[in-house]
Amino acid sequence: MSEIKAIVFDLGRVLVDVDITRGIFGLFGHSTTNSKEAAVAQMMREPIYTEYNAGKLTPERFYAAMKKKFSLEINFVEFARQWCDVFAPMDGMYELVKNLHGRVRIGLLSDTDPLHWKYICEQFAIVTLIDRPTLSFETGFRKPAREAYLSAVRNVGVAASQCLYIDDLMENVLGAMDTGLEAIQFKGVNALRQEMRIRGIITS
């Protein structure tokens, strides 16, 4: 096991939580959690969404495409508000990242978009602890593309083998491993703390 000199975090459902009962997600799926999860997952695979995340559509063009596809009867301002009103603090993560700050380099690798990123920067202090975030709408690469991870590695400035990547989705964890990073699946802050104790990154 290489000495870990940088930790790269995913954003949604790792640094900040995502509540699909709120905001724009209320317009998709049915009332049960499982069907809504499936509906949201399907929406996130739509070419409109993936192109937007990759920086190929402006927020205004994305709104127009979504409005047409899903027959949304809201203006752009209301769409942007609802689109962003899905995030919540992830209990314990700010404290953990703050504890890590100064011990290792802190990176971020997120499939995200300009509206979400602007909102998160305004609402969540945890992102101030990240020096050089790697964002799909800026790089044009989405996970689990190899170049997405390599972009994050370049941003933290250490070897891939010295990076530990944290993501809630196993597909993305495996993508990081295939690129030469160490990686673990996020299963809550307590489990993550324990993993970091085992690796000697933190002591408490």
N, C-alpha and C. Protein backbone atom coordinates (compact mmCIF):
# COMPACT_ATOMS: atom_id res chain seq x y z
N MET A 1 0.85 -1.20 0.00
CA MET A 1 0.00 0.00 0.00
C MET A 1 0.89 1.26 0.00
N SER A 2 0.68 2.12 -0.96
CA SER A 2 1.45 3.35 -1.05
C SER A 2 1.05 4.32 0.07
N GLU A 3 1.97 5.20 0.42
CA GLU A 3 1.63 6.27 1.36
C GLU A 3 0.64 7.21 0.69
N ILE A 4 -0.47 7.46 1.37
CA ILE A 4 -1.50 8.33 0.81
C ILE A 4 -1.12 9.79 1.07
N LYS A 5 -0.99 10.55 -0.01
CA LYS A 5 -0.65 11.97 0.10
C LYS A 5 -1.80 12.88 -0.31
N ALA A 6 -2.83 12.29 -0.93
CA ALA A 6 -3.99 13.09 -1.36
C ALA A 6 -5.25 12.24 -1.27
N ILE A 7 -6.33 12.88 -0.88
CA ILE A 7 -7.63 12.22 -0.86
C ILE A 7 -8.56 13.00 -1.78
N VAL A 8 -9.15 12.30 -2.73
CA VAL A 8 -10.06 12.90 -3.69
C VAL A 8 -11.46 12.38 -3.40
N PHE A 9 -12.38 13.30 -3.16
CA PHE A 9 -13.74 12.94 -2.81
C PHE A 9 -14.68 13.15 -3.99
N ASP A 10 -15.68 12.28 -4.08
CA ASP A 10 -16.87 12.56 -4.87
C ASP A 10 -17.66 13.63 -4.12
N LEU A 11 -18.63 14.24 -4.79
CA LEU A 11 -19.41 15.30 -4.16
C LEU A 11 -20.76 14.80 -3.64
N GLY A 12 -21.69 14.48 -4.56
CA GLY A 12 -23.03 14.10 -4.16
C GLY A 12 -23.08 12.77 -3.46
N ARG A 13 -23.73 12.75 -2.30
CA ARG A 13 -23.86 11.58 -1.43
C ARG A 13 -22.54 11.14 -0.83
N VAL A 14 -21.56 12.05 -0.84
CA VAL A 14 -20.32 11.86 -0.10
C VAL A 14 -20.03 13.11 0.72
N LEU A 15 -19.66 14.21 0.07
CA LEU A 15 -19.43 15.46 0.81
C LEU A 15 -20.74 16.15 1.18
N VAL A 16 -21.70 16.07 0.28
CA VAL A 16 -23.05 16.61 0.58
C VAL A 16 -24.06 15.54 0.20
N ASP A 17 -25.17 15.52 0.92
CA ASP A 17 -26.20 14.53 0.66
C ASP A 17 -27.12 15.02 -0.45
N VAL A 18 -27.83 14.09 -1.07
CA VAL A 18 -28.80 14.41 -2.12
C VAL A 18 -30.15 13.84 -1.70
N ASP A 19 -31.14 14.73 -1.63
CA ASP A 19 -32.49 14.35 -1.19
C ASP A 19 -33.43 14.38 -2.39
N ILE A 20 -33.77 13.21 -2.92
CA ILE A 20 -34.59 13.16 -4.13
C ILE A 20 -36.07 13.40 -3.86
N THR A 21 -36.43 13.67 -2.61
CA THR A 21 -37.83 14.02 -2.33
C THR A 21 -38.04 15.53 -2.48
N ARG A 22 -36.95 16.27 -2.69
CA ARG A 22 -37.04 17.73 -2.77
C ARG A 22 -36.77 18.22 -4.18
N GLY A 23 -37.07 19.50 -4.39
CA GLY A 23 -36.66 20.19 -5.60
C GLY A 23 -37.18 19.56 -6.87
N ILE A 24 -36.34 19.59 -7.90
CA ILE A 24 -36.74 19.17 -9.23
C ILE A 24 -37.10 17.69 -9.29
N PHE A 25 -36.53 16.89 -8.39
CA PHE A 25 -36.80 15.46 -8.44
C PHE A 25 -38.26 15.14 -8.11
N GLY A 26 -38.94 16.08 -7.47
CA GLY A 26 -40.35 15.88 -7.20
C GLY A 26 -41.20 15.81 -8.45
N LEU A 27 -40.65 16.22 -9.58
CA LEU A 27 -41.38 16.18 -10.85
C LEU A 27 -41.17 14.87 -11.60
N PHE A 28 -40.33 14.00 -11.05
CA PHE A 28 -40.03 12.75 -11.73
C PHE A 28 -40.43 11.56 -10.88
N GLY A 29 -40.81 10.47 -11.53
CA GLY A 29 -41.08 9.23 -10.83
C GLY A 29 -42.41 9.25 -10.11
N HIS A 30 -42.59 8.25 -9.24
CA HIS A 30 -43.82 8.08 -8.50
C HIS A 30 -43.56 8.34 -7.02
N SER A 31 -44.49 7.95 -6.18
CA SER A 31 -44.41 8.33 -4.77
C SER A 31 -43.47 7.45 -3.96
N THR A 32 -43.23 6.22 -4.40
CA THR A 32 -42.39 5.32 -3.61
C THR A 32 -40.92 5.62 -3.83
N THR A 33 -40.12 5.37 -2.80
CA THR A 33 -38.69 5.68 -2.89
C THR A 33 -38.02 4.91 -4.01
N ASN A 34 -38.32 3.61 -4.11
CA ASN A 34 -37.64 2.79 -5.11
C ASN A 34 -37.93 3.26 -6.53
N SER A 35 -39.21 3.54 -6.83
CA SER A 35 -39.54 3.97 -8.18
C SER A 35 -38.96 5.34 -8.47
N LYS A 36 -38.91 6.20 -7.46
CA LYS A 36 -38.33 7.53 -7.68
C LYS A 36 -36.82 7.43 -7.89
N GLU A 37 -36.16 6.56 -7.12
CA GLU A 37 -34.72 6.33 -7.32
C GLU A 37 -34.47 5.88 -8.76
N ALA A 38 -35.30 4.96 -9.23
CA ALA A 38 -35.13 4.45 -10.59
C ALA A 38 -35.37 5.54 -11.62
N ALA A 39 -36.38 6.37 -11.38
CA ALA A 39 -36.69 7.45 -12.31
C ALA A 39 -35.56 8.47 -12.37
N VAL A 40 -34.99 8.79 -11.20
CA VAL A 40 -33.88 9.74 -11.15
C VAL A 40 -32.65 9.15 -11.85
N ALA A 41 -32.37 7.87 -11.59
CA ALA A 41 -31.23 7.22 -12.25
C ALA A 41 -31.39 7.24 -13.76
N GLN A 42 -32.62 7.01 -14.22
CA GLN A 42 -32.87 7.03 -15.66
C GLN A 42 -32.66 8.43 -16.23
N MET A 43 -33.15 9.45 -15.51
CA MET A 43 -32.97 10.82 -15.96
C MET A 43 -31.49 11.17 -16.08
N MET A 44 -30.68 10.67 -15.13
CA MET A 44 -29.26 11.00 -15.12
C MET A 44 -28.50 10.31 -16.25
N ARG A 45 -29.13 9.34 -16.90
CA ARG A 45 -28.51 8.70 -18.07
C ARG A 45 -28.97 9.32 -19.38
N GLU A 46 -29.91 10.26 -19.29
CA GLU A 46 -30.39 10.92 -20.51
C GLU A 46 -29.26 11.69 -21.19
N PRO A 47 -29.16 11.61 -22.52
CA PRO A 47 -28.13 12.38 -23.23
C PRO A 47 -28.14 13.87 -22.88
N ILE A 48 -29.32 14.43 -22.66
CA ILE A 48 -29.41 15.86 -22.28
C ILE A 48 -28.59 16.11 -21.03
N TYR A 49 -28.78 15.24 -20.04
CA TYR A 49 -28.11 15.41 -18.75
C TYR A 49 -26.61 15.17 -18.86
N THR A 50 -26.22 14.09 -19.55
CA THR A 50 -24.80 13.79 -19.65
C THR A 50 -24.06 14.86 -20.45
N GLU A 51 -24.69 15.40 -21.48
CA GLU A 51 -24.06 16.49 -22.25
C GLU A 51 -23.93 17.75 -21.39
N TYR A 52 -24.93 18.02 -20.57
CA TYR A 52 -24.87 19.18 -19.69
C TYR A 52 -23.74 19.02 -18.67
N ASN A 53 -23.63 17.84 -18.07
CA ASN A 53 -22.56 17.57 -17.11
C ASN A 53 -21.19 17.68 -17.74
N ALA A 54 -21.10 17.37 -19.03
CA ALA A 54 -19.81 17.42 -19.72
C ALA A 54 -19.50 18.79 -20.29
N GLY A 55 -20.33 19.77 -19.97
CA GLY A 55 -20.07 21.14 -20.40
C GLY A 55 -20.43 21.44 -21.84
N LYS A 56 -21.26 20.57 -22.45
CA LYS A 56 -21.63 20.76 -23.85
C LYS A 56 -22.90 21.58 -24.02
N LEU A 57 -23.62 21.83 -22.95
CA LEU A 57 -24.83 22.66 -22.98
C LEU A 57 -24.73 23.73 -21.91
N THR A 58 -25.19 24.93 -22.22
CA THR A 58 -25.30 25.98 -21.20
C THR A 58 -26.48 25.66 -20.30
N PRO A 59 -26.55 26.26 -19.11
CA PRO A 59 -27.73 26.05 -18.27
C PRO A 59 -29.03 26.41 -18.97
N GLU A 60 -29.00 27.46 -19.78
CA GLU A 60 -30.21 27.89 -20.47
C GLU A 60 -30.65 26.87 -21.51
N ARG A 61 -29.71 26.32 -22.25
CA ARG A 61 -30.04 25.29 -23.25
C ARG A 61 -30.48 24.00 -22.56
N PHE A 62 -29.88 23.68 -21.45
CA PHE A 62 -30.29 22.50 -20.69
C PHE A 62 -31.73 22.66 -20.20
N TYR A 63 -32.03 23.82 -19.66
CA TYR A 63 -33.40 24.11 -19.21
C TYR A 63 -34.39 23.96 -20.35
N ALA A 64 -34.08 24.53 -21.50
CA ALA A 64 -35.00 24.45 -22.64
C ALA A 64 -35.22 23.01 -23.07
N ALA A 65 -34.15 22.20 -23.07
CA ALA A 65 -34.28 20.80 -23.47
C ALA A 65 -35.09 20.00 -22.44
N MET A 66 -34.84 20.25 -21.16
CA MET A 66 -35.58 19.55 -20.12
C MET A 66 -37.05 19.96 -20.11
N LYS A 67 -37.29 21.24 -20.33
CA LYS A 67 -38.67 21.74 -20.36
C LYS A 67 -39.46 21.05 -21.46
N LYS A 68 -38.83 20.90 -22.61
CA LYS A 68 -39.50 20.27 -23.74
C LYS A 68 -39.69 18.77 -23.51
N LYS A 69 -38.65 18.09 -23.05
CA LYS A 69 -38.70 16.63 -22.92
C LYS A 69 -39.70 16.19 -21.85
N PHE A 70 -39.73 16.93 -20.71
CA PHE A 70 -40.56 16.52 -19.59
C PHE A 70 -41.80 17.39 -19.40
N SER A 71 -42.08 18.26 -20.39
CA SER A 71 -43.27 19.14 -20.36
C SER A 71 -43.35 19.93 -19.07
N LEU A 72 -42.25 20.55 -18.70
CA LEU A 72 -42.20 21.34 -17.48
C LEU A 72 -42.81 22.72 -17.72
N GLU A 73 -43.66 23.14 -16.82
CA GLU A 73 -44.32 24.44 -16.96
C GLU A 73 -43.77 25.42 -15.93
N ILE A 74 -42.46 25.63 -15.97
CA ILE A 74 -41.81 26.57 -15.06
C ILE A 74 -40.79 27.38 -15.86
N ASN A 75 -40.53 28.62 -15.40
CA ASN A 75 -39.54 29.45 -16.08
C ASN A 75 -38.13 29.07 -15.63
N PHE A 76 -37.14 29.69 -16.27
CA PHE A 76 -35.75 29.32 -15.99
C PHE A 76 -35.36 29.57 -14.54
N VAL A 77 -35.77 30.70 -13.99
CA VAL A 77 -35.42 31.03 -12.60
C VAL A 77 -35.96 29.98 -11.64
N GLU A 78 -37.21 29.59 -11.84
CA GLU A 78 -37.81 28.58 -10.96
C GLU A 78 -37.17 27.21 -11.21
N PHE A 79 -36.86 26.91 -12.45
CA PHE A 79 -36.17 25.65 -12.76
C PHE A 79 -34.83 25.58 -12.04
N ALA A 80 -34.05 26.66 -12.12
CA ALA A 80 -32.74 26.69 -11.48
C ALA A 80 -32.88 26.51 -9.97
N ARG A 81 -33.89 27.16 -9.38
CA ARG A 81 -34.09 27.03 -7.93
C ARG A 81 -34.41 25.59 -7.56
N GLN A 82 -35.34 24.97 -8.30
CA GLN A 82 -35.72 23.60 -7.98
C GLN A 82 -34.60 22.61 -8.33
N TRP A 83 -33.87 22.89 -9.41
CA TRP A 83 -32.77 22.02 -9.81
C TRP A 83 -31.71 21.92 -8.70
N CYS A 84 -31.52 23.02 -7.98
CA CYS A 84 -30.48 23.07 -6.95
C CYS A 84 -30.99 22.70 -5.56
N ASP A 85 -32.30 22.69 -5.37
CA ASP A 85 -32.86 22.45 -4.04
C ASP A 85 -32.97 20.95 -3.74
N VAL A 86 -31.87 20.26 -3.87
CA VAL A 86 -31.85 18.82 -3.62
C VAL A 86 -30.71 18.42 -2.67
N PHE A 87 -29.91 19.38 -2.26
CA PHE A 87 -28.72 19.07 -1.46
C PHE A 87 -28.95 19.34 0.02
N ALA A 88 -28.27 18.55 0.85
CA ALA A 88 -28.34 18.71 2.30
C ALA A 88 -26.96 18.37 2.87
N PRO A 89 -26.64 18.86 4.06
CA PRO A 89 -25.35 18.52 4.65
C PRO A 89 -25.24 17.01 4.89
N MET A 90 -24.04 16.48 4.75
CA MET A 90 -23.75 15.10 5.08
C MET A 90 -23.14 15.09 6.49
N ASP A 91 -23.88 14.59 7.42
CA ASP A 91 -23.47 14.66 8.82
C ASP A 91 -22.06 14.12 9.02
N GLY A 92 -21.23 14.94 9.66
CA GLY A 92 -19.89 14.53 10.04
C GLY A 92 -18.81 14.74 9.00
N MET A 93 -19.21 15.04 7.76
CA MET A 93 -18.19 15.13 6.71
C MET A 93 -17.37 16.41 6.79
N TYR A 94 -18.00 17.52 7.15
CA TYR A 94 -17.22 18.76 7.27
C TYR A 94 -16.12 18.58 8.30
N GLU A 95 -16.47 17.99 9.43
CA GLU A 95 -15.50 17.81 10.52
C GLU A 95 -14.37 16.88 10.08
N LEU A 96 -14.71 15.81 9.34
CA LEU A 96 -13.69 14.88 8.88
C LEU A 96 -12.74 15.55 7.89
N VAL A 97 -13.29 16.26 6.91
CA VAL A 97 -12.45 16.90 5.89
C VAL A 97 -11.59 18.00 6.53
N LYS A 98 -12.16 18.71 7.49
CA LYS A 98 -11.38 19.74 8.18
C LYS A 98 -10.21 19.11 8.94
N ASN A 99 -10.45 17.94 9.52
CA ASN A 99 -9.39 17.23 10.23
C ASN A 99 -8.29 16.77 9.27
N LEU A 100 -8.69 16.42 8.06
CA LEU A 100 -7.72 15.97 7.06
C LEU A 100 -6.92 17.13 6.45
N HIS A 101 -7.53 18.33 6.47
CA HIS A 101 -6.92 19.48 5.82
C HIS A 101 -5.57 19.80 6.47
N GLY A 102 -4.53 19.86 5.65
CA GLY A 102 -3.18 20.10 6.17
C GLY A 102 -2.40 18.82 6.39
N ARG A 103 -3.10 17.69 6.54
CA ARG A 103 -2.42 16.39 6.68
C ARG A 103 -2.12 15.79 5.31
N VAL A 104 -3.12 15.91 4.42
CA VAL A 104 -3.00 15.42 3.04
C VAL A 104 -3.61 16.47 2.13
N ARG A 105 -3.34 16.37 0.85
CA ARG A 105 -3.99 17.25 -0.11
C ARG A 105 -5.43 16.77 -0.32
N ILE A 106 -6.34 17.73 -0.44
CA ILE A 106 -7.76 17.40 -0.57
C ILE A 106 -8.23 17.77 -1.96
N GLY A 107 -8.76 16.78 -2.67
CA GLY A 107 -9.28 17.02 -4.01
C GLY A 107 -10.75 16.66 -4.10
N LEU A 108 -11.33 17.01 -5.21
CA LEU A 108 -12.74 16.72 -5.50
C LEU A 108 -12.85 16.29 -6.95
N LEU A 109 -13.60 15.22 -7.20
CA LEU A 109 -13.90 14.79 -8.56
C LEU A 109 -15.40 14.59 -8.65
N SER A 110 -16.06 15.46 -9.39
CA SER A 110 -17.52 15.44 -9.41
C SER A 110 -18.06 15.55 -10.82
N ASP A 111 -19.05 14.70 -11.13
CA ASP A 111 -19.88 14.89 -12.32
C ASP A 111 -20.97 15.88 -11.93
N THR A 112 -20.76 17.13 -12.29
CA THR A 112 -21.68 18.17 -11.85
C THR A 112 -21.83 19.21 -12.95
N ASP A 113 -22.62 20.24 -12.67
CA ASP A 113 -22.93 21.25 -13.68
C ASP A 113 -22.80 22.64 -13.08
N PRO A 114 -22.83 23.69 -13.90
CA PRO A 114 -22.61 25.04 -13.39
C PRO A 114 -23.62 25.49 -12.35
N LEU A 115 -24.89 25.16 -12.53
CA LEU A 115 -25.90 25.57 -11.55
C LEU A 115 -25.69 24.90 -10.21
N HIS A 116 -25.49 23.60 -10.22
CA HIS A 116 -25.25 22.88 -8.97
C HIS A 116 -23.99 23.37 -8.28
N TRP A 117 -22.92 23.54 -9.04
CA TRP A 117 -21.66 23.93 -8.43
C TRP A 117 -21.74 25.33 -7.82
N LYS A 118 -22.35 26.26 -8.50
CA LYS A 118 -22.50 27.61 -7.97
C LYS A 118 -23.30 27.57 -6.66
N TYR A 119 -24.38 26.82 -6.66
CA TYR A 119 -25.23 26.72 -5.46
C TYR A 119 -24.45 26.09 -4.30
N ILE A 120 -23.74 25.02 -4.55
CA ILE A 120 -23.00 24.33 -3.49
C ILE A 120 -21.91 25.23 -2.92
N CYS A 121 -21.23 25.98 -3.79
CA CYS A 121 -20.20 26.92 -3.31
C CYS A 121 -20.79 28.00 -2.42
N GLU A 122 -22.02 28.39 -2.69
CA GLU A 122 -22.68 29.42 -1.90
C GLU A 122 -23.24 28.88 -0.58
N GLN A 123 -23.61 27.60 -0.56
CA GLN A 123 -24.35 27.06 0.59
C GLN A 123 -23.56 26.13 1.50
N PHE A 124 -22.46 25.55 1.04
CA PHE A 124 -21.77 24.52 1.80
C PHE A 124 -20.30 24.88 2.00
N ALA A 125 -19.94 25.14 3.26
CA ALA A 125 -18.58 25.57 3.59
C ALA A 125 -17.56 24.48 3.32
N ILE A 126 -17.98 23.24 3.23
CA ILE A 126 -17.03 22.15 3.05
C ILE A 126 -16.20 22.31 1.78
N VAL A 127 -16.75 22.94 0.74
CA VAL A 127 -15.99 23.06 -0.51
C VAL A 127 -14.86 24.08 -0.39
N THR A 128 -14.89 24.92 0.64
CA THR A 128 -13.78 25.87 0.83
C THR A 128 -12.51 25.15 1.27
N LEU A 129 -12.63 23.90 1.70
CA LEU A 129 -11.48 23.11 2.13
C LEU A 129 -10.78 22.42 0.95
N ILE A 130 -11.34 22.57 -0.24
CA ILE A 130 -10.80 21.92 -1.44
C ILE A 130 -10.11 22.96 -2.30
N ASP A 131 -8.82 22.77 -2.55
CA ASP A 131 -8.05 23.79 -3.27
C ASP A 131 -8.33 23.80 -4.77
N ARG A 132 -8.32 22.61 -5.39
CA ARG A 132 -8.47 22.56 -6.85
C ARG A 132 -9.47 21.47 -7.22
N PRO A 133 -10.75 21.79 -7.21
CA PRO A 133 -11.75 20.79 -7.57
C PRO A 133 -11.68 20.43 -9.05
N THR A 134 -12.04 19.20 -9.36
CA THR A 134 -12.09 18.71 -10.74
C THR A 134 -13.54 18.45 -11.08
N LEU A 135 -14.08 19.24 -12.01
CA LEU A 135 -15.52 19.27 -12.29
C LEU A 135 -15.76 18.86 -13.73
N SER A 136 -16.70 17.96 -13.94
CA SER A 136 -16.93 17.41 -15.28
C SER A 136 -17.31 18.47 -16.29
N PHE A 137 -18.07 19.49 -15.87
CA PHE A 137 -18.49 20.49 -16.85
C PHE A 137 -17.34 21.37 -17.30
N GLU A 138 -16.23 21.33 -16.55
CA GLU A 138 -15.03 22.07 -16.96
C GLU A 138 -14.06 21.19 -17.75
N THR A 139 -13.94 19.93 -17.36
CA THR A 139 -12.98 19.04 -18.03
C THR A 139 -13.57 18.37 -19.27
N GLY A 140 -14.90 18.18 -19.28
CA GLY A 140 -15.55 17.46 -20.37
C GLY A 140 -15.56 15.95 -20.18
N PHE A 141 -15.04 15.47 -19.03
CA PHE A 141 -14.98 14.03 -18.78
C PHE A 141 -15.82 13.66 -17.56
N ARG A 142 -16.62 12.60 -17.71
CA ARG A 142 -17.44 12.08 -16.63
C ARG A 142 -16.90 10.72 -16.18
N LYS A 143 -17.06 10.45 -14.91
CA LYS A 143 -16.69 9.13 -14.38
C LYS A 143 -17.60 8.06 -14.99
N PRO A 144 -17.07 6.87 -15.25
CA PRO A 144 -15.74 6.38 -14.88
C PRO A 144 -14.69 6.48 -15.99
N ALA A 145 -14.74 7.52 -16.80
CA ALA A 145 -13.72 7.70 -17.84
C ALA A 145 -12.34 7.88 -17.19
N ARG A 146 -11.36 7.22 -17.73
CA ARG A 146 -10.00 7.28 -17.18
C ARG A 146 -9.49 8.71 -17.07
N GLU A 147 -9.78 9.53 -18.08
CA GLU A 147 -9.28 10.90 -18.07
C GLU A 147 -9.87 11.73 -16.94
N ALA A 148 -11.06 11.38 -16.48
CA ALA A 148 -11.65 12.11 -15.35
C ALA A 148 -10.77 11.96 -14.11
N TYR A 149 -10.35 10.72 -13.84
CA TYR A 149 -9.50 10.48 -12.66
C TYR A 149 -8.12 11.10 -12.85
N LEU A 150 -7.58 10.99 -14.05
CA LEU A 150 -6.25 11.56 -14.29
C LEU A 150 -6.27 13.08 -14.13
N SER A 151 -7.38 13.71 -14.51
CA SER A 151 -7.50 15.17 -14.31
C SER A 151 -7.46 15.50 -12.82
N ALA A 152 -8.14 14.70 -12.00
CA ALA A 152 -8.14 14.93 -10.55
C ALA A 152 -6.76 14.70 -9.97
N VAL A 153 -6.07 13.68 -10.45
CA VAL A 153 -4.71 13.40 -9.98
C VAL A 153 -3.79 14.58 -10.29
N ARG A 154 -3.91 15.10 -11.49
CA ARG A 154 -3.08 16.27 -11.86
C ARG A 154 -3.39 17.46 -10.96
N ASN A 155 -4.63 17.62 -10.62
CA ASN A 155 -5.01 18.77 -9.80
C ASN A 155 -4.48 18.68 -8.37
N VAL A 156 -4.38 17.49 -7.81
CA VAL A 156 -3.83 17.37 -6.45
C VAL A 156 -2.31 17.28 -6.47
N GLY A 157 -1.72 16.99 -7.63
CA GLY A 157 -0.28 17.10 -7.79
C GLY A 157 0.55 16.00 -7.16
N VAL A 158 0.00 14.79 -7.06
CA VAL A 158 0.79 13.65 -6.58
C VAL A 158 0.57 12.48 -7.54
N ALA A 159 1.30 11.40 -7.34
CA ALA A 159 1.13 10.22 -8.18
C ALA A 159 -0.23 9.58 -7.94
N ALA A 160 -0.77 8.94 -8.98
CA ALA A 160 -2.07 8.28 -8.85
C ALA A 160 -2.05 7.26 -7.72
N SER A 161 -0.95 6.55 -7.56
CA SER A 161 -0.85 5.52 -6.52
C SER A 161 -0.86 6.10 -5.11
N GLN A 162 -0.66 7.42 -5.01
CA GLN A 162 -0.67 8.08 -3.70
C GLN A 162 -1.99 8.80 -3.43
N CYS A 163 -2.97 8.58 -4.31
CA CYS A 163 -4.30 9.17 -4.14
C CYS A 163 -5.28 8.13 -3.64
N LEU A 164 -6.11 8.51 -2.70
CA LEU A 164 -7.22 7.70 -2.25
C LEU A 164 -8.50 8.36 -2.71
N TYR A 165 -9.30 7.61 -3.47
CA TYR A 165 -10.54 8.16 -4.02
C TYR A 165 -11.73 7.59 -3.26
N ILE A 166 -12.71 8.45 -2.96
CA ILE A 166 -13.90 8.07 -2.19
C ILE A 166 -15.14 8.38 -3.03
N ASP A 167 -15.98 7.38 -3.27
CA ASP A 167 -17.21 7.55 -4.06
C ASP A 167 -18.28 6.62 -3.52
N ASP A 168 -19.54 7.02 -3.62
CA ASP A 168 -20.63 6.15 -3.16
C ASP A 168 -20.98 5.07 -4.18
N LEU A 169 -20.60 5.26 -5.45
CA LEU A 169 -20.94 4.30 -6.50
C LEU A 169 -19.76 3.37 -6.79
N MET A 170 -20.01 2.06 -6.69
CA MET A 170 -18.93 1.09 -6.90
C MET A 170 -18.35 1.19 -8.31
N GLU A 171 -19.19 1.49 -9.30
CA GLU A 171 -18.70 1.65 -10.67
C GLU A 171 -17.58 2.68 -10.73
N ASN A 172 -17.74 3.77 -9.99
CA ASN A 172 -16.73 4.83 -10.00
C ASN A 172 -15.50 4.45 -9.17
N VAL A 173 -15.72 3.69 -8.11
CA VAL A 173 -14.60 3.18 -7.31
C VAL A 173 -13.72 2.27 -8.18
N LEU A 174 -14.37 1.38 -8.92
CA LEU A 174 -13.62 0.47 -9.79
C LEU A 174 -12.89 1.23 -10.90
N GLY A 175 -13.52 2.29 -11.42
CA GLY A 175 -12.88 3.11 -12.43
C GLY A 175 -11.62 3.77 -11.91
N ALA A 176 -11.67 4.21 -10.65
CA ALA A 176 -10.48 4.81 -10.03
C ALA A 176 -9.37 3.78 -9.87
N MET A 177 -9.75 2.59 -9.41
CA MET A 177 -8.75 1.53 -9.23
C MET A 177 -8.10 1.16 -10.55
N ASP A 178 -8.91 1.09 -11.60
CA ASP A 178 -8.37 0.75 -12.92
C ASP A 178 -7.39 1.81 -13.43
N THR A 179 -7.51 3.03 -12.90
CA THR A 179 -6.64 4.13 -13.31
C THR A 179 -5.40 4.22 -12.43
N GLY A 180 -5.33 3.38 -11.40
CA GLY A 180 -4.13 3.35 -10.56
C GLY A 180 -4.26 4.01 -9.22
N LEU A 181 -5.44 4.53 -8.89
CA LEU A 181 -5.67 5.13 -7.59
C LEU A 181 -6.09 4.03 -6.61
N GLU A 182 -5.86 4.28 -5.33
CA GLU A 182 -6.54 3.48 -4.31
C GLU A 182 -7.94 4.07 -4.18
N ALA A 183 -8.90 3.24 -3.85
CA ALA A 183 -10.28 3.74 -3.80
C ALA A 183 -11.11 2.87 -2.88
N ILE A 184 -12.08 3.50 -2.22
CA ILE A 184 -13.02 2.78 -1.37
C ILE A 184 -14.41 3.36 -1.58
N GLN A 185 -15.41 2.53 -1.37
CA GLN A 185 -16.79 2.97 -1.51
C GLN A 185 -17.24 3.65 -0.22
N PHE A 186 -17.91 4.78 -0.37
CA PHE A 186 -18.41 5.52 0.79
C PHE A 186 -19.66 4.84 1.33
N LYS A 187 -19.62 4.47 2.61
CA LYS A 187 -20.76 3.83 3.27
C LYS A 187 -21.10 4.53 4.58
N GLY A 188 -20.83 5.84 4.59
CA GLY A 188 -21.10 6.63 5.79
C GLY A 188 -19.82 7.13 6.42
N VAL A 189 -19.96 8.23 7.17
CA VAL A 189 -18.77 8.88 7.71
C VAL A 189 -18.06 8.02 8.75
N ASN A 190 -18.79 7.25 9.55
CA ASN A 190 -18.14 6.42 10.56
C ASN A 190 -17.29 5.32 9.93
N ALA A 191 -17.85 4.69 8.89
CA ALA A 191 -17.08 3.66 8.17
C ALA A 191 -15.86 4.27 7.50
N LEU A 192 -16.00 5.48 6.97
CA LEU A 192 -14.88 6.14 6.30
C LEU A 192 -13.79 6.49 7.31
N ARG A 193 -14.19 7.00 8.47
CA ARG A 193 -13.20 7.29 9.52
C ARG A 193 -12.41 6.03 9.88
N GLN A 194 -13.12 4.91 10.02
CA GLN A 194 -12.45 3.67 10.38
C GLN A 194 -11.45 3.25 9.31
N GLU A 195 -11.85 3.38 8.04
CA GLU A 195 -10.93 3.07 6.93
C GLU A 195 -9.68 3.93 7.01
N MET A 196 -9.86 5.20 7.33
CA MET A 196 -8.72 6.11 7.38
C MET A 196 -7.83 5.84 8.58
N ARG A 197 -8.41 5.37 9.67
CA ARG A 197 -7.60 4.97 10.83
C ARG A 197 -6.75 3.74 10.47
N ILE A 198 -7.36 2.79 9.79
CA ILE A 198 -6.65 1.58 9.40
C ILE A 198 -5.46 1.92 8.50
N ARG A 199 -5.66 2.90 7.62
CA ARG A 199 -4.61 3.30 6.70
C ARG A 199 -3.61 4.28 7.32
N GLY A 200 -3.84 4.66 8.58
CA GLY A 200 -2.92 5.56 9.26
C GLY A 200 -3.01 7.01 8.84
N ILE A 201 -4.12 7.36 8.17
CA ILE A 201 -4.29 8.74 7.69
C ILE A 201 -4.72 9.64 8.83
N ILE A 202 -5.58 9.13 9.70
CA ILE A 202 -6.00 9.84 10.91
C ILE A 202 -5.83 8.92 12.09
N THR A 203 -5.84 9.50 13.28
CA THR A 203 -5.67 8.71 14.50
C THR A 203 -6.89 8.73 15.39
N SER A 204 -7.88 9.60 15.05
CA SER A 204 -9.05 9.68 15.93
C SER A 204 -10.30 9.88 15.09
